[in-house]
PDB file of all heavy atoms in Angstrom:
ATOM      1  N   TYR A   1      28.480   0.261 -16.925  1.00  0.00           N
ATOM      2  CA  TYR A   1      27.973   0.833 -15.676  1.00  0.00           C
ATOM      3  C   TYR A   1      27.682  -0.226 -14.681  1.00  0.00           C
ATOM      4  O   TYR A   1      27.487  -0.031 -13.446  1.00  0.00           O
ATOM      5  CB  TYR A   1      26.849   1.805 -15.752  1.00  0.00           C
ATOM      6  CG  TYR A   1      27.289   3.061 -16.554  1.00  0.00           C
ATOM      7  CD1 TYR A   1      27.055   3.182 -17.944  1.00  0.00           C
ATOM      8  CD2 TYR A   1      27.814   4.027 -15.825  1.00  0.00           C
ATOM      9  CE1 TYR A   1      27.435   4.350 -18.457  1.00  0.00           C
ATOM     10  CE2 TYR A   1      28.334   5.221 -16.472  1.00  0.00           C
ATOM     11  CZ  TYR A   1      28.049   5.313 -17.811  1.00  0.00           C
ATOM     12  OH  TYR A   1      28.416   6.628 -18.397  1.00  0.00           O
ATOM     13  N   ARG A   2      27.515  -1.475 -15.154  1.00  0.00           N
ATOM     14  CA  ARG A   2      27.271  -2.597 -14.169  1.00  0.00           C
ATOM     15  C   ARG A   2      28.301  -2.713 -13.128  1.00  0.00           C
ATOM     16  O   ARG A   2      27.940  -2.809 -11.888  1.00  0.00           O
ATOM     17  CB  ARG A   2      27.099  -3.999 -14.983  1.00  0.00           C
ATOM     18  CG  ARG A   2      26.798  -5.087 -14.016  1.00  0.00           C
ATOM     19  CD  ARG A   2      26.650  -6.514 -14.914  1.00  0.00           C
ATOM     20  NE  ARG A   2      27.834  -6.509 -15.852  1.00  0.00           N
ATOM     21  CZ  ARG A   2      27.635  -7.102 -17.035  1.00  0.00           C
ATOM     22  NH1 ARG A   2      26.439  -7.603 -17.478  1.00  0.00           N
ATOM     23  NH2 ARG A   2      28.677  -7.264 -17.856  1.00  0.00           N
ATOM     24  N   GLU A   3      29.470  -2.653 -13.514  1.00  0.00           N
ATOM     25  CA  GLU A   3      30.626  -2.722 -12.506  1.00  0.00           C
ATOM     26  C   GLU A   3      30.651  -1.570 -11.557  1.00  0.00           C
ATOM     27  O   GLU A   3      30.859  -1.701 -10.363  1.00  0.00           O
ATOM     28  CB  GLU A   3      31.964  -2.905 -13.253  1.00  0.00           C
ATOM     29  CG  GLU A   3      32.078  -4.051 -14.151  1.00  0.00           C
ATOM     30  CD  GLU A   3      31.927  -5.425 -13.460  1.00  0.00           C
ATOM     31  OE1 GLU A   3      32.359  -5.569 -12.263  1.00  0.00           O
ATOM     32  OE2 GLU A   3      31.264  -6.293 -14.058  1.00  0.00           O
ATOM     33  N   ASP A   4      30.348  -0.342 -12.099  1.00  0.00           N
ATOM     34  CA  ASP A   4      30.308   0.875 -11.332  1.00  0.00           C
ATOM     35  C   ASP A   4      29.211   0.778 -10.269  1.00  0.00           C
ATOM     36  O   ASP A   4      29.283   1.119  -9.129  1.00  0.00           O
ATOM     37  CB  ASP A   4      30.121   2.008 -12.118  1.00  0.00           C
ATOM     38  CG  ASP A   4      31.281   2.399 -13.023  1.00  0.00           C
ATOM     39  OD1 ASP A   4      32.378   1.912 -12.803  1.00  0.00           O
ATOM     40  OD2 ASP A   4      31.118   3.044 -14.075  1.00  0.00           O
ATOM     41  N   PHE A   5      28.055   0.268 -10.727  1.00  0.00           N
ATOM     42  CA  PHE A   5      26.907   0.044  -9.875  1.00  0.00           C
ATOM     43  C   PHE A   5      27.241  -0.779  -8.593  1.00  0.00           C
ATOM     44  O   PHE A   5      27.077  -0.390  -7.438  1.00  0.00           O
ATOM     45  CB  PHE A   5      25.708  -0.579 -10.535  1.00  0.00           C
ATOM     46  CG  PHE A   5      24.566  -1.011  -9.603  1.00  0.00           C
ATOM     47  CD1 PHE A   5      23.693  -0.103  -9.073  1.00  0.00           C
ATOM     48  CD2 PHE A   5      24.358  -2.357  -9.477  1.00  0.00           C
ATOM     49  CE1 PHE A   5      22.756  -0.597  -8.309  1.00  0.00           C
ATOM     50  CE2 PHE A   5      23.269  -2.799  -8.597  1.00  0.00           C
ATOM     51  CZ  PHE A   5      22.469  -1.874  -8.044  1.00  0.00           C
ATOM     52  N   PHE A   6      27.816  -2.004  -8.870  1.00  0.00           N
ATOM     53  CA  PHE A   6      28.152  -2.830  -7.779  1.00  0.00           C
ATOM     54  C   PHE A   6      29.285  -2.344  -6.819  1.00  0.00           C
ATOM     55  O   PHE A   6      29.437  -2.609  -5.693  1.00  0.00           O
ATOM     56  CB  PHE A   6      28.524  -4.268  -8.246  1.00  0.00           C
ATOM     57  CG  PHE A   6      27.253  -4.967  -8.581  1.00  0.00           C
ATOM     58  CD1 PHE A   6      26.814  -5.151  -9.909  1.00  0.00           C
ATOM     59  CD2 PHE A   6      26.553  -5.558  -7.538  1.00  0.00           C
ATOM     60  CE1 PHE A   6      25.690  -5.831 -10.173  1.00  0.00           C
ATOM     61  CE2 PHE A   6      25.296  -6.302  -7.883  1.00  0.00           C
ATOM     62  CZ  PHE A   6      24.934  -6.372  -9.144  1.00  0.00           C
ATOM     63  N   ALA A   7      30.140  -1.414  -7.384  1.00  0.00           N
ATOM     64  CA  ALA A   7      31.221  -0.838  -6.648  1.00  0.00           C
ATOM     65  C   ALA A   7      30.599   0.185  -5.701  1.00  0.00           C
ATOM     66  O   ALA A   7      31.260   0.455  -4.622  1.00  0.00           O
ATOM     67  CB  ALA A   7      32.221  -0.088  -7.564  1.00  0.00           C
ATOM     68  N   VAL A   8      29.561   0.802  -5.937  1.00  0.00           N
ATOM     69  CA  VAL A   8      28.957   1.868  -5.090  1.00  0.00           C
ATOM     70  C   VAL A   8      27.620   1.480  -4.332  1.00  0.00           C
ATOM     71  O   VAL A   8      27.236   2.290  -3.507  1.00  0.00           O
ATOM     72  CB  VAL A   8      28.751   3.207  -5.885  1.00  0.00           C
ATOM     73  CG1 VAL A   8      30.057   3.644  -6.477  1.00  0.00           C
ATOM     74  CG2 VAL A   8      27.684   3.065  -6.859  1.00  0.00           C
ATOM     75  N   VAL A   9      27.042   0.427  -4.751  1.00  0.00           N
ATOM     76  CA  VAL A   9      25.764   0.132  -4.244  1.00  0.00           C
ATOM     77  C   VAL A   9      25.749   0.022  -2.672  1.00  0.00           C
ATOM     78  O   VAL A   9      24.775   0.558  -1.990  1.00  0.00           O
ATOM     79  CB  VAL A   9      25.043  -1.048  -4.883  1.00  0.00           C
ATOM     80  CG1 VAL A   9      25.798  -2.378  -4.495  1.00  0.00           C
ATOM     81  CG2 VAL A   9      23.544  -1.063  -4.626  1.00  0.00           C
ATOM     82  N   GLY A  10      26.692  -0.603  -2.127  1.00  0.00           N
ATOM     83  CA  GLY A  10      26.823  -0.617  -0.677  1.00  0.00           C
ATOM     84  C   GLY A  10      26.896   0.608   0.104  1.00  0.00           C
ATOM     85  O   GLY A  10      26.260   0.849   1.092  1.00  0.00           O
ATOM     86  N   ASP A  11      27.787   1.578  -0.517  1.00  0.00           N
ATOM     87  CA  ASP A  11      27.890   2.878   0.092  1.00  0.00           C
ATOM     88  C   ASP A  11      26.531   3.689  -0.061  1.00  0.00           C
ATOM     89  O   ASP A  11      26.140   4.332   0.897  1.00  0.00           O
ATOM     90  CB  ASP A  11      29.038   3.687  -0.627  1.00  0.00           C
ATOM     91  CG  ASP A  11      30.340   3.069  -0.328  1.00  0.00           C
ATOM     92  OD1 ASP A  11      30.559   2.468   0.665  1.00  0.00           O
ATOM     93  OD2 ASP A  11      31.252   3.368  -1.166  1.00  0.00           O
ATOM     94  N   ALA A  12      25.939   3.584  -1.243  1.00  0.00           N
ATOM     95  CA  ALA A  12      24.687   4.298  -1.359  1.00  0.00           C
ATOM     96  C   ALA A  12      23.605   3.757  -0.363  1.00  0.00           C
ATOM     97  O   ALA A  12      22.897   4.552   0.278  1.00  0.00           O
ATOM     98  CB  ALA A  12      24.123   4.056  -2.723  1.00  0.00           C
ATOM     99  N   TRP A  13      23.592   2.437  -0.116  1.00  0.00           N
ATOM    100  CA  TRP A  13      22.683   1.878   0.803  1.00  0.00           C
ATOM    101  C   TRP A  13      22.938   2.310   2.203  1.00  0.00           C
ATOM    102  O   TRP A  13      21.894   2.656   2.975  1.00  0.00           O
ATOM    103  CB  TRP A  13      22.762   0.362   0.706  1.00  0.00           C
ATOM    104  CG  TRP A  13      21.603  -0.318   1.482  1.00  0.00           C
ATOM    105  CD1 TRP A  13      21.608  -0.763   2.719  1.00  0.00           C
ATOM    106  CD2 TRP A  13      20.313  -0.503   1.001  1.00  0.00           C
ATOM    107  NE1 TRP A  13      20.442  -1.332   3.089  1.00  0.00           N
ATOM    108  CE2 TRP A  13      19.572  -1.092   2.073  1.00  0.00           C
ATOM    109  CE3 TRP A  13      19.664  -0.193  -0.263  1.00  0.00           C
ATOM    110  CZ2 TRP A  13      18.226  -1.403   1.889  1.00  0.00           C
ATOM    111  CZ3 TRP A  13      18.290  -0.575  -0.366  1.00  0.00           C
ATOM    112  CH2 TRP A  13      17.647  -1.144   0.737  1.00  0.00           C
ATOM    113  N   ARG A  14      24.163   2.477   2.558  1.00  0.00           N
ATOM    114  CA  ARG A  14      24.447   2.924   3.966  1.00  0.00           C
ATOM    115  C   ARG A  14      24.319   4.477   4.143  1.00  0.00           C
ATOM    116  O   ARG A  14      23.855   4.944   5.220  1.00  0.00           O
ATOM    117  CB  ARG A  14      25.891   2.598   4.288  1.00  0.00           C
ATOM    118  CG  ARG A  14      26.086   1.209   4.666  1.00  0.00           C
ATOM    119  CD  ARG A  14      27.664   1.003   5.082  1.00  0.00           C
ATOM    120  NE  ARG A  14      28.613   1.313   4.163  1.00  0.00           N
ATOM    121  CZ  ARG A  14      28.981   0.472   3.147  1.00  0.00           C
ATOM    122  NH1 ARG A  14      28.415  -0.600   3.028  1.00  0.00           N
ATOM    123  NH2 ARG A  14      29.900   0.939   2.302  1.00  0.00           N
ATOM    124  N   GLU A  15      24.642   5.259   3.169  1.00  0.00           N
ATOM    125  CA  GLU A  15      24.692   6.632   3.299  1.00  0.00           C
ATOM    126  C   GLU A  15      23.414   7.445   2.931  1.00  0.00           C
ATOM    127  O   GLU A  15      23.198   8.495   3.388  1.00  0.00           O
ATOM    128  CB  GLU A  15      25.882   7.195   2.587  1.00  0.00           C
ATOM    129  CG  GLU A  15      27.115   6.698   3.039  1.00  0.00           C
ATOM    130  CD  GLU A  15      28.379   7.000   2.240  1.00  0.00           C
ATOM    131  OE1 GLU A  15      28.248   7.786   1.316  1.00  0.00           O
ATOM    132  OE2 GLU A  15      29.520   6.323   2.424  1.00  0.00           O
ATOM    133  N   TRP A  16      22.622   6.890   1.967  1.00  0.00           N
ATOM    134  CA  TRP A  16      21.472   7.661   1.514  1.00  0.00           C
ATOM    135  C   TRP A  16      20.244   7.250   2.286  1.00  0.00           C
ATOM    136  O   TRP A  16      20.197   6.337   3.047  1.00  0.00           O
ATOM    137  CB  TRP A  16      21.186   7.256   0.042  1.00  0.00           C
ATOM    138  CG  TRP A  16      22.282   7.720  -0.884  1.00  0.00           C
ATOM    139  CD1 TRP A  16      23.432   8.315  -0.589  1.00  0.00           C
ATOM    140  CD2 TRP A  16      22.279   7.550  -2.328  1.00  0.00           C
ATOM    141  NE1 TRP A  16      24.184   8.647  -1.695  1.00  0.00           N
ATOM    142  CE2 TRP A  16      23.512   8.127  -2.782  1.00  0.00           C
ATOM    143  CE3 TRP A  16      21.464   6.925  -3.160  1.00  0.00           C
ATOM    144  CZ2 TRP A  16      23.820   8.142  -4.121  1.00  0.00           C
ATOM    145  CZ3 TRP A  16      21.802   6.902  -4.497  1.00  0.00           C
ATOM    146  CH2 TRP A  16      22.963   7.608  -4.962  1.00  0.00           C
ATOM    147  N   SER A  17      19.168   8.043   2.205  1.00  0.00           N
ATOM    148  CA  SER A  17      17.939   7.865   2.873  1.00  0.00           C
ATOM    149  C   SER A  17      17.442   6.443   2.281  1.00  0.00           C
ATOM    150  O   SER A  17      17.842   5.994   1.179  1.00  0.00           O
ATOM    151  CB  SER A  17      16.924   8.885   2.520  1.00  0.00           C
ATOM    152  OG  SER A  17      16.419   8.863   1.142  1.00  0.00           O
ATOM    153  N   SER A  18      16.532   5.807   3.069  1.00  0.00           N
ATOM    154  CA  SER A  18      15.999   4.527   2.579  1.00  0.00           C
ATOM    155  C   SER A  18      15.316   4.611   1.330  1.00  0.00           C
ATOM    156  O   SER A  18      15.492   3.771   0.447  1.00  0.00           O
ATOM    157  CB  SER A  18      15.003   4.043   3.674  1.00  0.00           C
ATOM    158  OG  SER A  18      14.421   2.827   3.349  1.00  0.00           O
ATOM    159  N   ALA A  19      14.518   5.604   1.116  1.00  0.00           N
ATOM    160  CA  ALA A  19      13.797   5.772  -0.205  1.00  0.00           C
ATOM    161  C   ALA A  19      14.677   5.977  -1.300  1.00  0.00           C
ATOM    162  O   ALA A  19      14.524   5.300  -2.347  1.00  0.00           O
ATOM    163  CB  ALA A  19      12.744   6.977  -0.107  1.00  0.00           C
ATOM    164  N   MET A  20      15.699   6.845  -1.160  1.00  0.00           N
ATOM    165  CA  MET A  20      16.630   7.056  -2.285  1.00  0.00           C
ATOM    166  C   MET A  20      17.433   5.833  -2.643  1.00  0.00           C
ATOM    167  O   MET A  20      17.690   5.417  -3.787  1.00  0.00           O
ATOM    168  CB  MET A  20      17.535   8.293  -1.992  1.00  0.00           C
ATOM    169  CG  MET A  20      16.785   9.542  -2.265  1.00  0.00           C
ATOM    170  SD  MET A  20      17.889  10.971  -2.080  1.00  0.00           S
ATOM    171  CE  MET A  20      18.786  10.931  -3.650  1.00  0.00           C
ATOM    172  N   ALA A  21      17.862   5.086  -1.527  1.00  0.00           N
ATOM    173  CA  ALA A  21      18.697   3.953  -1.719  1.00  0.00           C
ATOM    174  C   ALA A  21      17.867   2.906  -2.392  1.00  0.00           C
ATOM    175  O   ALA A  21      18.449   2.191  -3.388  1.00  0.00           O
ATOM    176  CB  ALA A  21      19.247   3.435  -0.362  1.00  0.00           C
ATOM    177  N   GLN A  22      16.651   2.655  -2.052  1.00  0.00           N
ATOM    178  CA  GLN A  22      15.795   1.661  -2.704  1.00  0.00           C
ATOM    179  C   GLN A  22      15.504   2.073  -4.115  1.00  0.00           C
ATOM    180  O   GLN A  22      15.682   1.171  -5.021  1.00  0.00           O
ATOM    181  CB  GLN A  22      14.474   1.526  -1.991  1.00  0.00           C
ATOM    182  CG  GLN A  22      14.566   0.842  -0.618  1.00  0.00           C
ATOM    183  CD  GLN A  22      13.348   0.786   0.135  1.00  0.00           C
ATOM    184  OE1 GLN A  22      12.232   0.471  -0.573  1.00  0.00           O
ATOM    185  NE2 GLN A  22      13.305   1.058   1.420  1.00  0.00           N
ATOM    186  N   ASP A  23      15.261   3.237  -4.484  1.00  0.00           N
ATOM    187  CA  ASP A  23      15.097   3.784  -5.775  1.00  0.00           C
ATOM    188  C   ASP A  23      16.313   3.561  -6.662  1.00  0.00           C
ATOM    189  O   ASP A  23      16.249   3.114  -7.816  1.00  0.00           O
ATOM    190  CB  ASP A  23      14.672   5.215  -5.893  1.00  0.00           C
ATOM    191  CG  ASP A  23      13.246   5.484  -5.441  1.00  0.00           C
ATOM    192  OD1 ASP A  23      12.466   4.494  -5.302  1.00  0.00           O
ATOM    193  OD2 ASP A  23      12.912   6.708  -5.209  1.00  0.00           O
ATOM    194  N   PHE A  24      17.501   3.860  -6.040  1.00  0.00           N
ATOM    195  CA  PHE A  24      18.731   3.676  -6.694  1.00  0.00           C
ATOM    196  C   PHE A  24      19.016   2.202  -7.131  1.00  0.00           C
ATOM    197  O   PHE A  24      19.311   1.887  -8.189  1.00  0.00           O
ATOM    198  CB  PHE A  24      19.934   4.272  -5.960  1.00  0.00           C
ATOM    199  CG  PHE A  24      21.246   3.929  -6.479  1.00  0.00           C
ATOM    200  CD1 PHE A  24      21.740   4.670  -7.601  1.00  0.00           C
ATOM    201  CD2 PHE A  24      22.102   3.032  -5.993  1.00  0.00           C
ATOM    202  CE1 PHE A  24      22.983   4.464  -8.148  1.00  0.00           C
ATOM    203  CE2 PHE A  24      23.413   2.799  -6.450  1.00  0.00           C
ATOM    204  CZ  PHE A  24      23.805   3.491  -7.563  1.00  0.00           C
ATOM    205  N   VAL A  25      18.780   1.300  -6.120  1.00  0.00           N
ATOM    206  CA  VAL A  25      19.066  -0.127  -6.351  1.00  0.00           C
ATOM    207  C   VAL A  25      18.168  -0.647  -7.387  1.00  0.00           C
ATOM    208  O   VAL A  25      18.588  -1.256  -8.378  1.00  0.00           O
ATOM    209  CB  VAL A  25      18.943  -0.861  -4.999  1.00  0.00           C
ATOM    210  CG1 VAL A  25      19.050  -2.428  -5.319  1.00  0.00           C
ATOM    211  CG2 VAL A  25      19.987  -0.459  -4.047  1.00  0.00           C
ATOM    212  N   SER A  26      16.876  -0.418  -7.238  1.00  0.00           N
ATOM    213  CA  SER A  26      15.888  -0.890  -8.191  1.00  0.00           C
ATOM    214  C   SER A  26      16.077  -0.244  -9.544  1.00  0.00           C
ATOM    215  O   SER A  26      16.058  -1.003 -10.655  1.00  0.00           O
ATOM    216  CB  SER A  26      14.499  -0.677  -7.740  1.00  0.00           C
ATOM    217  OG  SER A  26      14.220  -1.388  -6.471  1.00  0.00           O
ATOM    218  N   GLY A  27      16.245   1.008  -9.569  1.00  0.00           N
ATOM    219  CA  GLY A  27      16.308   1.747 -10.833  1.00  0.00           C
ATOM    220  C   GLY A  27      17.551   1.446 -11.662  1.00  0.00           C
ATOM    221  O   GLY A  27      17.596   1.162 -12.958  1.00  0.00           O
ATOM    222  N   VAL A  28      18.728   1.418 -10.951  1.00  0.00           N
ATOM    223  CA  VAL A  28      20.010   1.214 -11.644  1.00  0.00           C
ATOM    224  C   VAL A  28      20.224  -0.229 -12.017  1.00  0.00           C
ATOM    225  O   VAL A  28      20.750  -0.543 -13.051  1.00  0.00           O
ATOM    226  CB  VAL A  28      21.176   1.867 -10.885  1.00  0.00           C
ATOM    227  CG1 VAL A  28      22.480   1.564 -11.648  1.00  0.00           C
ATOM    228  CG2 VAL A  28      20.996   3.341 -10.752  1.00  0.00           C
ATOM    229  N   TYR A  29      19.719  -1.109 -11.176  1.00  0.00           N
ATOM    230  CA  TYR A  29      19.753  -2.575 -11.471  1.00  0.00           C
ATOM    231  C   TYR A  29      19.186  -2.836 -12.795  1.00  0.00           C
ATOM    232  O   TYR A  29      19.602  -3.703 -13.558  1.00  0.00           O
ATOM    233  CB  TYR A  29      19.276  -3.434 -10.249  1.00  0.00           C
ATOM    234  CG  TYR A  29      19.692  -4.888 -10.556  1.00  0.00           C
ATOM    235  CD1 TYR A  29      20.890  -5.351  -9.934  1.00  0.00           C
ATOM    236  CD2 TYR A  29      18.976  -5.755 -11.323  1.00  0.00           C
ATOM    237  CE1 TYR A  29      21.371  -6.693 -10.153  1.00  0.00           C
ATOM    238  CE2 TYR A  29      19.455  -7.166 -11.517  1.00  0.00           C
ATOM    239  CZ  TYR A  29      20.609  -7.534 -10.857  1.00  0.00           C
ATOM    240  OH  TYR A  29      21.020  -8.819 -11.184  1.00  0.00           O
ATOM    241  N   ALA A  30      18.069  -2.101 -13.073  1.00  0.00           N
ATOM    242  CA  ALA A  30      17.299  -2.292 -14.302  1.00  0.00           C
ATOM    243  C   ALA A  30      18.180  -1.921 -15.481  1.00  0.00           C
ATOM    244  O   ALA A  30      17.928  -2.430 -16.616  1.00  0.00           O
ATOM    245  CB  ALA A  30      15.993  -1.475 -14.259  1.00  0.00           C
ATOM    246  N   VAL A  31      19.233  -1.143 -15.328  1.00  0.00           N
ATOM    247  CA  VAL A  31      20.123  -0.730 -16.428  1.00  0.00           C
ATOM    248  C   VAL A  31      21.069  -1.878 -16.655  1.00  0.00           C
ATOM    249  O   VAL A  31      21.499  -2.032 -17.879  1.00  0.00           O
ATOM    250  CB  VAL A  31      20.978   0.487 -15.941  1.00  0.00           C
ATOM    251  CG1 VAL A  31      22.017   0.839 -17.055  1.00  0.00           C
ATOM    252  CG2 VAL A  31      20.036   1.703 -15.841  1.00  0.00           C
ATOM    253  N   CYS A  32      21.361  -2.771 -15.784  1.00  0.00           N
ATOM    254  CA  CYS A  32      22.266  -3.869 -16.111  1.00  0.00           C
ATOM    255  C   CYS A  32      21.727  -4.696 -17.164  1.00  0.00           C
ATOM    256  O   CYS A  32      20.483  -4.993 -17.219  1.00  0.00           O
ATOM    257  CB  CYS A  32      22.389  -4.766 -14.680  1.00  0.00           C
ATOM    258  SG  CYS A  32      23.242  -3.858 -13.420  1.00  0.00           S
ATOM    259  N   PRO A  33      22.514  -5.170 -18.107  1.00  0.00           N
ATOM    260  CA  PRO A  33      22.151  -5.919 -19.158  1.00  0.00           C
ATOM    261  C   PRO A  33      21.448  -7.209 -18.755  1.00  0.00           C
ATOM    262  O   PRO A  33      21.825  -7.807 -17.742  1.00  0.00           O
ATOM    263  CB  PRO A  33      23.411  -6.243 -19.979  1.00  0.00           C
ATOM    264  CG  PRO A  33      24.320  -5.144 -19.576  1.00  0.00           C
ATOM    265  CD  PRO A  33      23.950  -4.905 -18.149  1.00  0.00           C
ATOM    266  N   ILE A  34      20.561  -7.688 -19.585  1.00  0.00           N
ATOM    267  CA  ILE A  34      19.944  -9.020 -19.323  1.00  0.00           C
ATOM    268  C   ILE A  34      20.924 -10.031 -19.877  1.00  0.00           C
ATOM    269  O   ILE A  34      21.005 -10.228 -21.136  1.00  0.00           O
ATOM    270  CB  ILE A  34      18.569  -9.037 -20.004  1.00  0.00           C
ATOM    271  CG1 ILE A  34      17.594  -8.109 -19.312  1.00  0.00           C
ATOM    272  CG2 ILE A  34      17.962 -10.488 -19.917  1.00  0.00           C
ATOM    273  CD1 ILE A  34      16.298  -7.895 -19.905  1.00  0.00           C
TER     274      ILE A  34
END
């Protein structure tokens, strides 16, 4: 899902509310492997 996240993060940032976009970025980035 790391690749999928980076494929859609820009669209989510532009199209979603600020709060949802921030939660998405912070929450899903945490899924990315260390």
